[in-house]
């Protein structure tokens, strides 16, 4: 790994020492799992406090649903309208770092100004041509996720590594520091459910790139397809993925069910670390 630790807000995250838990806070009416539940600022804050109590290390706030093939894109202005009141309240009322889940430069910049400490871009800095410069100017860590508009690969893992490498190059050229980069294989994005299983099986290959790995697989469709279960019945499958992901090198897991995944992560860490 290029860097063994990262500063997020006023906290030092030491890679390889433990798995960090990112709690999902979707302030959207249409997210695939919890759309509408935390659209109201009061309910969003209550849920964030709960996740903090259950073991979350960071809260990831998203204002736009991004489920491929189902989500309806929204403008940056609408996204900002949704997320800024939440980020402002969270930054004052909980002690955890806050991540903003967005691929839009304008949203990212305003969110950081409002109190966010990290940017989580599901399009790997490629969707918005101004995003890499925005991340560099914000001077906060960024999670770069692999994504693409199709599922036609010549060699799945090598293509993912190559395309993540392109995103890393965009970041570095814009002035993002190496120590501020995290990678995400993009489970559920630009991949069939069988390809998602292959990515999980080979997750440790991402370590070749030398950056910490974030795994976001909570309740996703490849778990539902494998187990033939609907969204709210995928906890056990998610816990299996969390544990295997840690064994394969994940440093952060992004999850809906914080308490259960924290317990699974602590147990797995005790065995493999």
Protein backbone atom coordinates (compact mmCIF):
# COMPACT_ATOMS: atom_id res chain seq x y z
CA UNK A 1 0.00 0.00 0.00
CA UNK A 2 1.36 3.43 -0.97
CA UNK A 3 0.32 5.00 2.34
CA UNK A 4 -0.36 3.19 5.59
CA UNK A 5 -2.70 5.80 7.06
CA UNK A 6 -5.09 8.58 6.13
CA UNK A 7 -6.41 11.66 7.92
CA UNK A 8 -10.19 12.02 7.71
CA UNK A 9 -11.45 15.04 9.64
CA UNK A 10 -9.42 14.92 12.87
CA UNK A 11 -9.04 11.15 12.87
CA UNK A 12 -6.17 8.96 11.68
CA UNK A 13 -7.25 5.78 9.91
CA UNK A 14 -4.53 3.12 9.96
CA UNK A 15 -4.90 0.71 7.06
CA UNK A 16 -4.45 -2.95 7.84
CA UNK A 17 -5.06 -2.53 11.57
CA UNK A 18 -8.85 -2.82 11.45
CA UNK A 19 -11.85 -2.64 9.14
CA UNK A 20 -13.68 0.69 9.13
CA UNK A 21 -17.46 0.88 8.87
CA UNK A 22 -19.19 3.40 6.61
CA UNK A 23 -22.86 3.83 7.48
CA UNK A 24 -25.22 4.62 4.60
CA UNK A 25 -27.54 7.61 4.97
CA UNK A 26 -29.68 8.06 1.87
CA UNK A 27 -31.70 11.27 2.01
CA UNK A 28 -33.61 10.33 -1.12
CA UNK A 29 -37.19 9.34 -1.92
CA UNK A 30 -36.15 6.50 -4.25
CA UNK A 31 -32.97 4.68 -3.14
CA UNK A 32 -33.22 0.94 -3.77
CA UNK A 33 -33.22 -0.17 -0.12
CA UNK A 34 -34.26 2.69 2.14
CA UNK A 35 -35.62 5.36 -0.18
CA UNK A 36 -37.87 7.80 1.65
CA UNK A 37 -37.09 6.55 5.17
CA UNK A 38 -34.60 9.32 5.97
CA UNK A 39 -35.72 12.05 3.55
CA UNK A 40 -36.76 14.21 6.50
CA UNK A 41 -33.80 15.90 8.26
CA UNK A 42 -34.99 14.88 11.73
CA UNK A 43 -35.27 11.18 10.80
CA UNK A 44 -31.92 11.37 8.97
CA UNK A 45 -30.19 12.79 12.04
CA UNK A 46 -31.78 10.18 14.29
CA UNK A 47 -30.58 7.38 12.03
CA UNK A 48 -27.07 8.85 11.84
CA UNK A 49 -26.89 9.00 15.64
CA UNK A 50 -28.04 5.38 15.79
CA UNK A 51 -25.37 4.29 13.32
CA UNK A 52 -22.73 6.15 15.32
CA UNK A 53 -23.84 4.31 18.46
CA UNK A 54 -23.76 0.98 16.62
CA UNK A 55 -20.14 1.35 15.55
CA UNK A 56 -19.97 3.40 12.35
CA UNK A 57 -16.67 5.17 11.72
CA UNK A 58 -18.04 7.52 9.04
CA UNK A 59 -21.48 8.47 7.68
CA UNK A 60 -21.97 8.52 3.90
CA UNK A 61 -24.70 10.97 2.89
CA UNK A 62 -26.31 10.54 -0.52
CA UNK A 63 -28.91 12.81 -2.11
CA UNK A 64 -29.42 10.98 -5.42
CA UNK A 65 -30.44 7.37 -5.94
CA UNK A 66 -27.95 5.65 -8.23
CA UNK A 67 -29.29 2.13 -8.79
CA UNK A 68 -28.37 1.27 -12.41
CA UNK A 69 -31.38 1.04 -14.70
CA UNK A 70 -33.86 2.30 -12.12
CA UNK A 71 -32.73 5.57 -10.54
CA UNK A 72 -33.78 8.90 -12.04
CA UNK A 73 -30.91 11.44 -12.26
CA UNK A 74 -31.43 14.79 -10.56
CA UNK A 75 -29.78 18.18 -10.95
CA UNK A 76 -26.93 19.35 -8.75
CA UNK A 77 -29.22 22.04 -7.33
CA UNK A 78 -31.82 19.47 -6.25
CA UNK A 79 -29.12 17.22 -4.81
CA UNK A 80 -27.65 20.14 -2.86
CA UNK A 81 -31.10 21.08 -1.57
CA UNK A 82 -31.48 17.58 -0.16
CA UNK A 83 -28.07 17.05 1.41
CA UNK A 84 -26.85 20.40 2.74
CA UNK A 85 -29.32 20.71 5.67
CA UNK A 86 -28.41 17.15 6.70
CA UNK A 87 -24.65 17.68 6.49
CA UNK A 88 -24.87 20.94 8.42
CA UNK A 89 -26.80 19.25 11.23
CA UNK A 90 -24.61 16.16 11.30
CA UNK A 91 -21.41 18.21 11.43
CA UNK A 92 -22.70 19.94 14.55
CA UNK A 93 -24.41 17.08 16.33
CA UNK A 94 -22.31 13.95 15.76
CA UNK A 95 -18.57 13.52 16.12
CA UNK A 96 -18.03 11.19 13.18
CA UNK A 97 -16.56 12.24 9.83
CA UNK A 98 -19.08 12.77 7.02
CA UNK A 99 -18.73 11.57 3.44
CA UNK A 100 -20.71 13.00 0.52
CA UNK A 101 -21.83 10.46 -2.06
CA UNK A 102 -21.88 12.41 -5.33
CA UNK A 103 -20.38 12.46 -8.81
CA UNK A 104 -21.09 16.17 -9.33
CA UNK A 105 -18.34 18.77 -8.77
CA UNK A 106 -20.72 21.51 -7.64
CA UNK A 107 -22.35 19.25 -5.05
CA UNK A 108 -18.99 18.02 -3.77
CA UNK A 109 -17.60 21.51 -3.27
CA UNK A 110 -20.68 22.84 -1.49
CA UNK A 111 -20.95 19.71 0.67
CA UNK A 112 -17.35 20.09 1.86
CA UNK A 113 -17.98 23.75 2.61
CA UNK A 114 -21.00 22.64 4.67
CA UNK A 115 -18.97 20.19 6.73
CA UNK A 116 -18.30 17.00 4.74
CA UNK A 117 -14.85 15.46 5.19
CA UNK A 118 -14.68 13.04 2.27
CA UNK A 119 -16.03 12.65 -1.29
CA UNK A 120 -17.38 9.33 -2.57
CA UNK A 121 -17.72 9.34 -6.38
CA UNK A 122 -19.49 6.36 -7.98
CA UNK A 123 -18.22 7.38 -11.42
CA UNK A 124 -14.53 7.50 -10.55
CA UNK A 125 -14.13 11.20 -11.45
CA UNK A 126 -15.21 10.45 -15.04
CA UNK A 127 -18.85 11.60 -15.17
CA UNK A 128 -18.32 15.28 -14.43
CA UNK A 129 -15.27 16.73 -16.22
CA UNK A 130 -14.78 19.21 -13.36
CA UNK A 131 -14.87 16.61 -10.60
CA UNK A 132 -11.14 15.84 -10.36
CA UNK A 133 -10.30 19.53 -10.02
CA UNK A 134 -13.06 19.96 -7.44
CA UNK A 135 -11.73 17.08 -5.34
CA UNK A 136 -8.20 18.48 -5.51
CA UNK A 137 -9.38 21.95 -4.45
CA UNK A 138 -11.38 20.51 -1.54
CA UNK A 139 -8.24 18.78 -0.19
CA UNK A 140 -10.18 15.92 1.36
CA UNK A 141 -9.98 12.16 0.80
CA UNK A 142 -11.86 10.73 -2.17
CA UNK A 143 -13.22 7.27 -2.87
CA UNK A 144 -12.90 6.47 -6.57
CA UNK A 145 -15.34 3.78 -7.67
CA UNK A 146 -15.17 1.67 -10.80
CA UNK A 147 -18.18 2.15 -13.04
CA UNK A 148 -19.06 1.94 -16.72
CA UNK A 149 -22.10 2.04 -18.98
CA UNK A 150 -21.93 -1.61 -20.12
CA UNK A 151 -20.96 -5.07 -18.93
CA UNK A 152 -18.87 -6.14 -21.94
CA UNK A 153 -15.35 -6.87 -20.72
CA UNK A 154 -12.39 -8.46 -22.47
CA UNK A 155 -10.91 -9.52 -19.13
CA UNK A 156 -13.06 -8.52 -16.17
CA UNK A 157 -10.46 -7.96 -13.47
CA UNK A 158 -7.75 -6.58 -15.72
CA UNK A 159 -10.24 -4.16 -17.30
CA UNK A 160 -11.39 -3.00 -13.87
CA UNK A 161 -7.79 -2.42 -12.77
CA UNK A 162 -7.04 -0.53 -15.98
CA UNK A 163 -10.12 1.67 -15.71
CA UNK A 164 -9.45 2.42 -12.05
CA UNK A 165 -5.92 3.32 -13.11
CA UNK A 166 -7.39 5.89 -15.50
CA UNK A 167 -9.37 7.43 -12.63
CA UNK A 168 -6.29 7.52 -10.42
CA UNK A 169 -4.41 9.30 -13.20
CA UNK A 170 -7.20 11.90 -13.46
CA UNK A 171 -6.98 12.48 -9.72
CA UNK A 172 -3.19 12.77 -9.57
CA UNK A 173 -3.01 15.10 -12.58
CA UNK A 174 -5.57 17.38 -10.95
CA UNK A 175 -3.52 17.55 -7.77
CA UNK A 176 -5.18 15.00 -5.51
CA UNK A 177 -2.59 13.56 -3.13
CA UNK A 178 -1.85 9.83 -3.18
CA UNK A 179 -2.62 9.59 0.51
CA UNK A 180 -6.14 10.89 -0.11
CA UNK A 181 -7.21 8.16 -2.56
CA UNK A 182 -9.42 5.15 -1.79
CA UNK A 183 -10.60 2.64 -4.40
CA UNK A 184 -13.96 0.87 -4.75
CA UNK A 185 -14.45 -2.06 -7.19
CA UNK A 186 -18.00 -0.91 -7.92
CA UNK A 187 -20.05 -3.94 -6.92
CA UNK A 188 -23.43 -3.66 -8.64
CA UNK A 189 -22.34 -1.04 -11.17
CA UNK A 190 -21.50 -1.91 -14.78
CA UNK A 191 -21.42 -5.61 -13.91
CA UNK A 192 -23.76 -8.59 -14.13
CA UNK A 193 -24.53 -10.45 -10.93
CA UNK A 194 -22.16 -13.24 -11.99
CA UNK A 195 -19.43 -10.65 -12.63
CA UNK A 196 -20.01 -9.22 -9.15
CA UNK A 197 -19.32 -12.66 -7.71
CA UNK A 198 -16.11 -12.84 -9.75
CA UNK A 199 -15.02 -9.42 -8.47
CA UNK A 200 -15.61 -10.55 -4.89
CA UNK A 201 -13.62 -13.72 -5.55
CA UNK A 202 -10.71 -11.65 -6.86
CA UNK A 203 -11.01 -8.53 -4.72
CA UNK A 204 -7.44 -8.87 -3.50
CA UNK A 205 -6.23 -8.08 -7.03
CA UNK A 206 -7.10 -4.42 -6.39
CA UNK A 207 -4.24 -4.34 -3.90
CA UNK A 208 -1.91 -4.25 -6.92
CA UNK A 209 -2.85 -0.59 -7.34
CA UNK A 210 -1.57 0.26 -3.87
CA UNK A 211 -4.54 2.02 -2.30
CA UNK A 212 -7.02 1.18 0.47
CA UNK A 213 -10.19 -0.55 -0.69
CA UNK A 214 -13.78 0.34 0.09
CA UNK A 215 -16.38 -2.38 -0.48
CA UNK A 216 -20.01 -1.36 -1.00
CA UNK A 217 -22.07 -4.52 -1.40
CA UNK A 218 -24.75 -4.15 1.27
CA UNK A 219 -28.12 -5.69 0.27
CA UNK A 220 -27.23 -5.52 -3.42
CA UNK A 221 -28.83 -7.44 -6.24
CA UNK A 222 -26.10 -10.05 -6.64
CA UNK A 223 -26.86 -11.18 -3.08
CA UNK A 224 -30.58 -11.26 -3.85
CA UNK A 225 -29.99 -13.20 -7.09
CA UNK A 226 -27.73 -15.71 -5.39
CA UNK A 227 -30.07 -16.33 -2.45
CA UNK A 228 -33.33 -15.59 -4.29
CA UNK A 229 -34.27 -13.03 -1.65
CA UNK A 230 -35.81 -9.58 -1.67
CA UNK A 231 -33.92 -6.49 -0.46
CA UNK A 232 -34.92 -6.59 3.20
CA UNK A 233 -33.99 -10.28 3.57
CA UNK A 234 -30.35 -9.93 2.50
CA UNK A 235 -28.67 -9.32 5.86
CA UNK A 236 -27.04 -12.74 6.19
CA UNK A 237 -25.80 -12.59 2.62
CA UNK A 238 -24.38 -9.13 3.26
CA UNK A 239 -22.58 -10.34 6.38
CA UNK A 240 -21.00 -13.17 4.40
CA UNK A 241 -19.82 -10.69 1.77
CA UNK A 242 -18.48 -8.35 4.45
CA UNK A 243 -16.40 -11.10 6.05
CA UNK A 244 -15.09 -12.45 2.75
CA UNK A 245 -14.38 -8.92 1.57
CA UNK A 246 -12.24 -8.28 4.65
CA UNK A 247 -10.39 -11.54 4.10
CA UNK A 248 -9.76 -10.41 0.51
CA UNK A 249 -8.36 -7.04 1.57
CA UNK A 250 -11.24 -4.59 2.09
CA UNK A 251 -10.33 -1.76 4.46
CA UNK A 252 -13.76 -0.11 4.62
CA UNK A 253 -17.21 -1.65 4.23
CA UNK A 254 -20.17 0.56 3.29
CA UNK A 255 -23.32 -0.88 4.85
CA UNK A 256 -26.94 -0.29 5.80
CA UNK A 257 -26.98 -2.56 8.89
CA UNK A 258 -24.18 -1.06 10.95
CA UNK A 259 -24.49 -3.04 14.19
CA UNK A 260 -24.50 -6.47 12.56
CA UNK A 261 -21.73 -5.63 10.08
CA UNK A 262 -19.60 -4.09 12.83
CA UNK A 263 -19.82 -7.34 14.78
CA UNK A 264 -18.97 -9.38 11.69
CA UNK A 265 -16.03 -7.09 10.92
CA UNK A 266 -14.63 -7.23 14.45
CA UNK A 267 -14.84 -11.02 14.47
CA UNK A 268 -13.24 -11.30 11.03
CA UNK A 269 -10.52 -8.82 11.97
CA UNK A 270 -9.67 -10.84 15.04
CA UNK A 271 -9.13 -13.90 12.88
CA UNK A 272 -7.36 -12.47 9.83
CA UNK A 273 -5.51 -9.41 11.17
